[in-house]
Amino acid sequence: MGKAFWYSEAFLEENSRIDWLKIKGFRNIIAHDYFGVDAEEVWQIARIHLPELAREIHLLLDLE
């Protein structure tokens, strides 16, 4: 998810309905805060937000 920031600024702006900064921040916490990660909190975030993110990304891929 963090690799989304390899895309150009124009791409990120054109697809601003996706909160790229929040995704990057979440990825950084998961990847680097090994002992501070609350597995239950991660599960809740994934369960609640991942389905909508997946829909948005599928729409984005269909447009390309």
PDB file of N, CA and C in Angstrom:
ATOM      1  N   MET A   1       0.822  -1.196   0.000  1.00  0.00           N
ATOM      2  CA  MET A   1       0.000   0.000   0.000  1.00  0.00           C
ATOM      3  C   MET A   1       0.862   1.255   0.000  1.00  0.00           C
ATOM      4  N   GLY A   2       1.954   1.215   0.721  1.00  0.00           N
ATOM      5  CA  GLY A   2       2.808   2.384   0.787  1.00  0.00           C
ATOM      6  C   GLY A   2       3.436   2.740  -0.538  1.00  0.00           C
ATOM      7  N   LYS A   3       3.532   1.786  -1.430  1.00  0.00           N
ATOM      8  CA  LYS A   3       4.146   2.032  -2.730  1.00  0.00           C
ATOM      9  C   LYS A   3       3.274   2.908  -3.614  1.00  0.00           C
ATOM     10  N   ALA A   4       2.080   3.206  -3.189  1.00  0.00           N
ATOM     11  CA  ALA A   4       1.214   4.107  -3.949  1.00  0.00           C
ATOM     12  C   ALA A   4       1.881   5.456  -4.147  1.00  0.00           C
ATOM     13  N   PHE A   5       2.796   5.814  -3.265  1.00  0.00           N
ATOM     14  CA  PHE A   5       3.420   7.122  -3.348  1.00  0.00           C
ATOM     15  C   PHE A   5       4.524   7.184  -4.385  1.00  0.00           C
ATOM     16  N   TRP A   6       4.745   6.109  -5.105  1.00  0.00           N
ATOM     17  CA  TRP A   6       5.651   6.140  -6.237  1.00  0.00           C
ATOM     18  C   TRP A   6       4.960   6.757  -7.443  1.00  0.00           C
ATOM     19  N   TYR A   7       3.650   6.913  -7.376  1.00  0.00           N
ATOM     20  CA  TYR A   7       2.904   7.508  -8.479  1.00  0.00           C
ATOM     21  C   TYR A   7       3.094   9.016  -8.470  1.00  0.00           C
ATOM     22  N   SER A   8       2.864   9.622  -9.612  1.00  0.00           N
ATOM     23  CA  SER A   8       3.060  11.060  -9.746  1.00  0.00           C
ATOM     24  C   SER A   8       2.036  11.832  -8.925  1.00  0.00           C
ATOM     25  N   GLU A   9       2.392  13.056  -8.640  1.00  0.00           N
ATOM     26  CA  GLU A   9       1.486  13.946  -7.908  1.00  0.00           C
ATOM     27  C   GLU A   9       0.177  14.119  -8.680  1.00  0.00           C
ATOM     28  N   ALA A  10       0.274  14.199  -9.999  1.00  0.00           N
ATOM     29  CA  ALA A  10      -0.930  14.341 -10.827  1.00  0.00           C
ATOM     30  C   ALA A  10      -1.849  13.134 -10.661  1.00  0.00           C
ATOM     31  N   PHE A  11      -1.279  11.933 -10.661  1.00  0.00           N
ATOM     32  CA  PHE A  11      -2.081  10.719 -10.475  1.00  0.00           C
ATOM     33  C   PHE A  11      -2.785  10.748  -9.127  1.00  0.00           C
ATOM     34  N   LEU A  12      -2.049  11.104  -8.089  1.00  0.00           N
ATOM     35  CA  LEU A  12      -2.632  11.130  -6.744  1.00  0.00           C
ATOM     36  C   LEU A  12      -3.751  12.161  -6.649  1.00  0.00           C
ATOM     37  N   GLU A  13      -3.558  13.315  -7.281  1.00  0.00           N
ATOM     38  CA  GLU A  13      -4.590  14.353  -7.269  1.00  0.00           C
ATOM     39  C   GLU A  13      -5.816  13.925  -8.071  1.00  0.00           C
ATOM     40  N   GLU A  14      -5.600  13.292  -9.213  1.00  0.00           N
ATOM     41  CA  GLU A  14      -6.719  12.829 -10.040  1.00  0.00           C
ATOM     42  C   GLU A  14      -7.529  11.744  -9.334  1.00  0.00           C
ATOM     43  N   ASN A  15      -6.911  11.062  -8.412  1.00  0.00           N
ATOM     44  CA  ASN A  15      -7.559   9.967  -7.688  1.00  0.00           C
ATOM     45  C   ASN A  15      -7.638  10.292  -6.201  1.00  0.00           C
ATOM     46  N   SER A  16      -7.992  11.520  -5.907  1.00  0.00           N
ATOM     47  CA  SER A  16      -7.977  12.008  -4.529  1.00  0.00           C
ATOM     48  C   SER A  16      -9.109  11.449  -3.672  1.00  0.00           C
ATOM     49  N   ARG A  17     -10.065  10.740  -4.271  1.00  0.00           N
ATOM     50  CA  ARG A  17     -11.127  10.146  -3.447  1.00  0.00           C
ATOM     51  C   ARG A  17     -10.566   9.042  -2.551  1.00  0.00           C
ATOM     52  N   ILE A  18      -9.363   8.579  -2.870  1.00  0.00           N
ATOM     53  CA  ILE A  18      -8.656   7.615  -2.026  1.00  0.00           C
ATOM     54  C   ILE A  18      -7.698   8.403  -1.136  1.00  0.00           C
ATOM     55  N   ASP A  19      -7.743   8.165   0.162  1.00  0.00           N
ATOM     56  CA  ASP A  19      -6.899   8.895   1.113  1.00  0.00           C
ATOM     57  C   ASP A  19      -5.508   8.259   1.157  1.00  0.00           C
ATOM     58  N   TRP A  20      -4.679   8.645   0.198  1.00  0.00           N
ATOM     59  CA  TRP A  20      -3.356   8.050   0.041  1.00  0.00           C
ATOM     60  C   TRP A  20      -2.476   8.272   1.265  1.00  0.00           C
ATOM     61  N   LEU A  21      -2.552   9.450   1.888  1.00  0.00           N
ATOM     62  CA  LEU A  21      -1.722   9.725   3.064  1.00  0.00           C
ATOM     63  C   LEU A  21      -2.080   8.817   4.231  1.00  0.00           C
ATOM     64  N   LYS A  22      -3.363   8.576   4.416  1.00  0.00           N
ATOM     65  CA  LYS A  22      -3.797   7.694   5.495  1.00  0.00           C
ATOM     66  C   LYS A  22      -3.328   6.258   5.237  1.00  0.00           C
ATOM     67  N   ILE A  23      -3.382   5.842   3.983  1.00  0.00           N
ATOM     68  CA  ILE A  23      -2.917   4.499   3.622  1.00  0.00           C
ATOM     69  C   ILE A  23      -1.421   4.372   3.898  1.00  0.00           C
ATOM     70  N   LYS A  24      -0.664   5.381   3.501  1.00  0.00           N
ATOM     71  CA  LYS A  24       0.782   5.351   3.731  1.00  0.00           C
ATOM     72  C   LYS A  24       1.090   5.315   5.224  1.00  0.00           C
ATOM     73  N   GLY A  25       0.395   6.119   5.999  1.00  0.00           N
ATOM     74  CA  GLY A  25       0.612   6.137   7.443  1.00  0.00           C
ATOM     75  C   GLY A  25       0.297   4.801   8.086  1.00  0.00           C
ATOM     76  N   PHE A  26      -0.798   4.184   7.662  1.00  0.00           N
ATOM     77  CA  PHE A  26      -1.185   2.876   8.191  1.00  0.00           C
ATOM     78  C   PHE A  26      -0.117   1.841   7.858  1.00  0.00           C
ATOM     79  N   ARG A  27       0.346   1.856   6.637  1.00  0.00           N
ATOM     80  CA  ARG A  27       1.394   0.922   6.212  1.00  0.00           C
ATOM     81  C   ARG A  27       2.660   1.112   7.039  1.00  0.00           C
ATOM     82  N   ASN A  28       3.040   2.361   7.289  1.00  0.00           N
ATOM     83  CA  ASN A  28       4.248   2.621   8.067  1.00  0.00           C
ATOM     84  C   ASN A  28       4.125   2.093   9.494  1.00  0.00           C
ATOM     85  N   ILE A  29       2.965   2.253  10.089  1.00  0.00           N
ATOM     86  CA  ILE A  29       2.750   1.728  11.440  1.00  0.00           C
ATOM     87  C   ILE A  29       2.880   0.212  11.438  1.00  0.00           C
ATOM     88  N   ILE A  30       2.202  -0.436  10.497  1.00  0.00           N
ATOM     89  CA  ILE A  30       2.238  -1.900  10.422  1.00  0.00           C
ATOM     90  C   ILE A  30       3.662  -2.401  10.163  1.00  0.00           C
ATOM     91  N   ALA A  31       4.380  -1.716   9.292  1.00  0.00           N
ATOM     92  CA  ALA A  31       5.703  -2.186   8.881  1.00  0.00           C
ATOM     93  C   ALA A  31       6.801  -1.894   9.898  1.00  0.00           C
ATOM     94  N   HIS A  32       6.639  -0.838  10.709  1.00  0.00           N
ATOM     95  CA  HIS A  32       7.763  -0.396  11.530  1.00  0.00           C
ATOM     96  C   HIS A  32       7.510  -0.375  13.035  1.00  0.00           C
ATOM     97  N   ASP A  33       6.284  -0.425  13.465  1.00  0.00           N
ATOM     98  CA  ASP A  33       5.978  -0.342  14.901  1.00  0.00           C
ATOM     99  C   ASP A  33       5.655  -1.740  15.429  1.00  0.00           C
ATOM    100  N   TYR A  34       6.603  -2.625  15.264  1.00  0.00           N
ATOM    101  CA  TYR A  34       6.417  -4.058  15.496  1.00  0.00           C
ATOM    102  C   TYR A  34       5.683  -4.394  16.789  1.00  0.00           C
ATOM    103  N   PHE A  35       6.134  -3.849  17.914  1.00  0.00           N
ATOM    104  CA  PHE A  35       5.573  -4.231  19.205  1.00  0.00           C
ATOM    105  C   PHE A  35       4.446  -3.309  19.655  1.00  0.00           C
ATOM    106  N   GLY A  36       4.231  -2.226  18.932  1.00  0.00           N
ATOM    107  CA  GLY A  36       3.187  -1.287  19.308  1.00  0.00           C
ATOM    108  C   GLY A  36       1.890  -1.478  18.536  1.00  0.00           C
ATOM    109  N   VAL A  37       1.859  -2.469  17.671  1.00  0.00           N
ATOM    110  CA  VAL A  37       0.681  -2.699  16.833  1.00  0.00           C
ATOM    111  C   VAL A  37      -0.349  -3.513  17.611  1.00  0.00           C
ATOM    112  N   ASP A  38      -1.556  -2.990  17.666  1.00  0.00           N
ATOM    113  CA  ASP A  38      -2.671  -3.689  18.313  1.00  0.00           C
ATOM    114  C   ASP A  38      -3.391  -4.501  17.237  1.00  0.00           C
ATOM    115  N   ALA A  39      -3.257  -5.807  17.290  1.00  0.00           N
ATOM    116  CA  ALA A  39      -3.828  -6.676  16.256  1.00  0.00           C
ATOM    117  C   ALA A  39      -5.334  -6.491  16.126  1.00  0.00           C
ATOM    118  N   GLU A  40      -6.026  -6.291  17.226  1.00  0.00           N
ATOM    119  CA  GLU A  40      -7.476  -6.093  17.176  1.00  0.00           C
ATOM    120  C   GLU A  40      -7.824  -4.793  16.450  1.00  0.00           C
ATOM    121  N   GLU A  41      -7.053  -3.751  16.710  1.00  0.00           N
ATOM    122  CA  GLU A  41      -7.286  -2.474  16.030  1.00  0.00           C
ATOM    123  C   GLU A  41      -7.026  -2.604  14.528  1.00  0.00           C
ATOM    124  N   VAL A  42      -5.957  -3.291  14.161  1.00  0.00           N
ATOM    125  CA  VAL A  42      -5.652  -3.522  12.744  1.00  0.00           C
ATOM    126  C   VAL A  42      -6.797  -4.286  12.091  1.00  0.00           C
ATOM    127  N   TRP A  43      -7.293  -5.315  12.763  1.00  0.00           N
ATOM    128  CA  TRP A  43      -8.397  -6.110  12.231  1.00  0.00           C
ATOM    129  C   TRP A  43      -9.636  -5.240  12.023  1.00  0.00           C
ATOM    130  N   GLN A  44      -9.957  -4.394  12.989  1.00  0.00           N
ATOM    131  CA  GLN A  44     -11.134  -3.530  12.867  1.00  0.00           C
ATOM    132  C   GLN A  44     -10.977  -2.545  11.706  1.00  0.00           C
ATOM    133  N   ILE A  45      -9.801  -1.955  11.581  1.00  0.00           N
ATOM    134  CA  ILE A  45      -9.553  -1.026  10.473  1.00  0.00           C
ATOM    135  C   ILE A  45      -9.702  -1.749   9.142  1.00  0.00           C
ATOM    136  N   ALA A  46      -9.107  -2.927   9.031  1.00  0.00           N
ATOM    137  CA  ALA A  46      -9.191  -3.698   7.787  1.00  0.00           C
ATOM    138  C   ALA A  46     -10.631  -4.105   7.499  1.00  0.00           C
ATOM    139  N   ARG A  47     -11.333  -4.569   8.504  1.00  0.00           N
ATOM    140  CA  ARG A  47     -12.706  -5.039   8.319  1.00  0.00           C
ATOM    141  C   ARG A  47     -13.638  -3.905   7.897  1.00  0.00           C
ATOM    142  N   ILE A  48     -13.432  -2.745   8.466  1.00  0.00           N
ATOM    143  CA  ILE A  48     -14.323  -1.614   8.198  1.00  0.00           C
ATOM    144  C   ILE A  48     -13.946  -0.881   6.908  1.00  0.00           C
ATOM    145  N   HIS A  49     -12.662  -0.638   6.695  1.00  0.00           N
ATOM    146  CA  HIS A  49     -12.232   0.244   5.599  1.00  0.00           C
ATOM    147  C   HIS A  49     -11.748  -0.473   4.343  1.00  0.00           C
ATOM    148  N   LEU A  50     -11.268  -1.681   4.477  1.00  0.00           N
ATOM    149  CA  LEU A  50     -10.704  -2.374   3.319  1.00  0.00           C
ATOM    150  C   LEU A  50     -11.713  -2.658   2.208  1.00  0.00           C
ATOM    151  N   PRO A  51     -12.954  -3.041   2.516  1.00  0.00           N
ATOM    152  CA  PRO A  51     -13.905  -3.281   1.420  1.00  0.00           C
ATOM    153  C   PRO A  51     -14.134  -2.043   0.543  1.00  0.00           C
ATOM    154  N   GLU A  52     -14.266  -0.885   1.164  1.00  0.00           N
ATOM    155  CA  GLU A  52     -14.471   0.344   0.385  1.00  0.00           C
ATOM    156  C   GLU A  52     -13.219   0.687  -0.419  1.00  0.00           C
ATOM    157  N   LEU A  53     -12.054   0.532   0.183  1.00  0.00           N
ATOM    158  CA  LEU A  53     -10.806   0.790  -0.532  1.00  0.00           C
ATOM    159  C   LEU A  53     -10.679  -0.144  -1.731  1.00  0.00           C
ATOM    160  N   ALA A  54     -11.012  -1.400  -1.549  1.00  0.00           N
ATOM    161  CA  ALA A  54     -10.954  -2.367  -2.653  1.00  0.00           C
ATOM    162  C   ALA A  54     -11.890  -1.947  -3.784  1.00  0.00           C
ATOM    163  N   ARG A  55     -13.093  -1.483  -3.452  1.00  0.00           N
ATOM    164  CA  ARG A  55     -14.031  -1.014  -4.487  1.00  0.00           C
ATOM    165  C   ARG A  55     -13.446   0.166  -5.253  1.00  0.00           C
ATOM    166  N   GLU A  56     -12.880   1.121  -4.521  1.00  0.00           N
ATOM    167  CA  GLU A  56     -12.299   2.303  -5.167  1.00  0.00           C
ATOM    168  C   GLU A  56     -11.143   1.909  -6.091  1.00  0.00           C
ATOM    169  N   ILE A  57     -10.317   1.001  -5.657  1.00  0.00           N
ATOM    170  CA  ILE A  57      -9.182   0.576  -6.480  1.00  0.00           C
ATOM    171  C   ILE A  57      -9.660  -0.188  -7.707  1.00  0.00           C
ATOM    172  N   HIS A  58     -10.676  -1.015  -7.554  1.00  0.00           N
ATOM    173  CA  HIS A  58     -11.236  -1.715  -8.723  1.00  0.00           C
ATOM    174  C   HIS A  58     -11.790  -0.709  -9.728  1.00  0.00           C
ATOM    175  N   LEU A  59     -12.478   0.315  -9.251  1.00  0.00           N
ATOM    176  CA  LEU A  59     -12.978   1.361 -10.148  1.00  0.00           C
ATOM    177  C   LEU A  59     -11.818   2.055 -10.850  1.00  0.00           C
ATOM    178  N   LEU A  60     -10.788   2.355 -10.108  1.00  0.00           N
ATOM    179  CA  LEU A  60      -9.614   3.014 -10.663  1.00  0.00           C
ATOM    180  C   LEU A  60      -8.971   2.149 -11.747  1.00  0.00           C
ATOM    181  N   LEU A  61      -8.827   0.877 -11.488  1.00  0.00           N
ATOM    182  CA  LEU A  61      -8.219  -0.023 -12.472  1.00  0.00           C
ATOM    183  C   LEU A  61      -9.089  -0.177 -13.710  1.00  0.00           C
ATOM    184  N   ASP A  62     -10.397  -0.144 -13.536  1.00  0.00           N
ATOM    185  CA  ASP A  62     -11.305  -0.244 -14.677  1.00  0.00           C
ATOM    186  C   ASP A  62     -11.230   0.988 -15.569  1.00  0.00           C
ATOM    187  N   LEU A  63     -10.860   2.132 -14.993  1.00  0.00           N
ATOM    188  CA  LEU A  63     -10.782   3.370 -15.760  1.00  0.00           C
ATOM    189  C   LEU A  63      -9.501   3.467 -16.573  1.00  0.00           C
ATOM    190  N   GLU A  64      -8.479   2.746 -16.186  1.00  0.00           N
ATOM    191  CA  GLU A  64      -7.187   2.855 -16.883  1.00  0.00           C
ATOM    192  C   GLU A  64      -7.173   2.085 -18.171  1.00  0.00           C
TER     193      GLU A  64
END
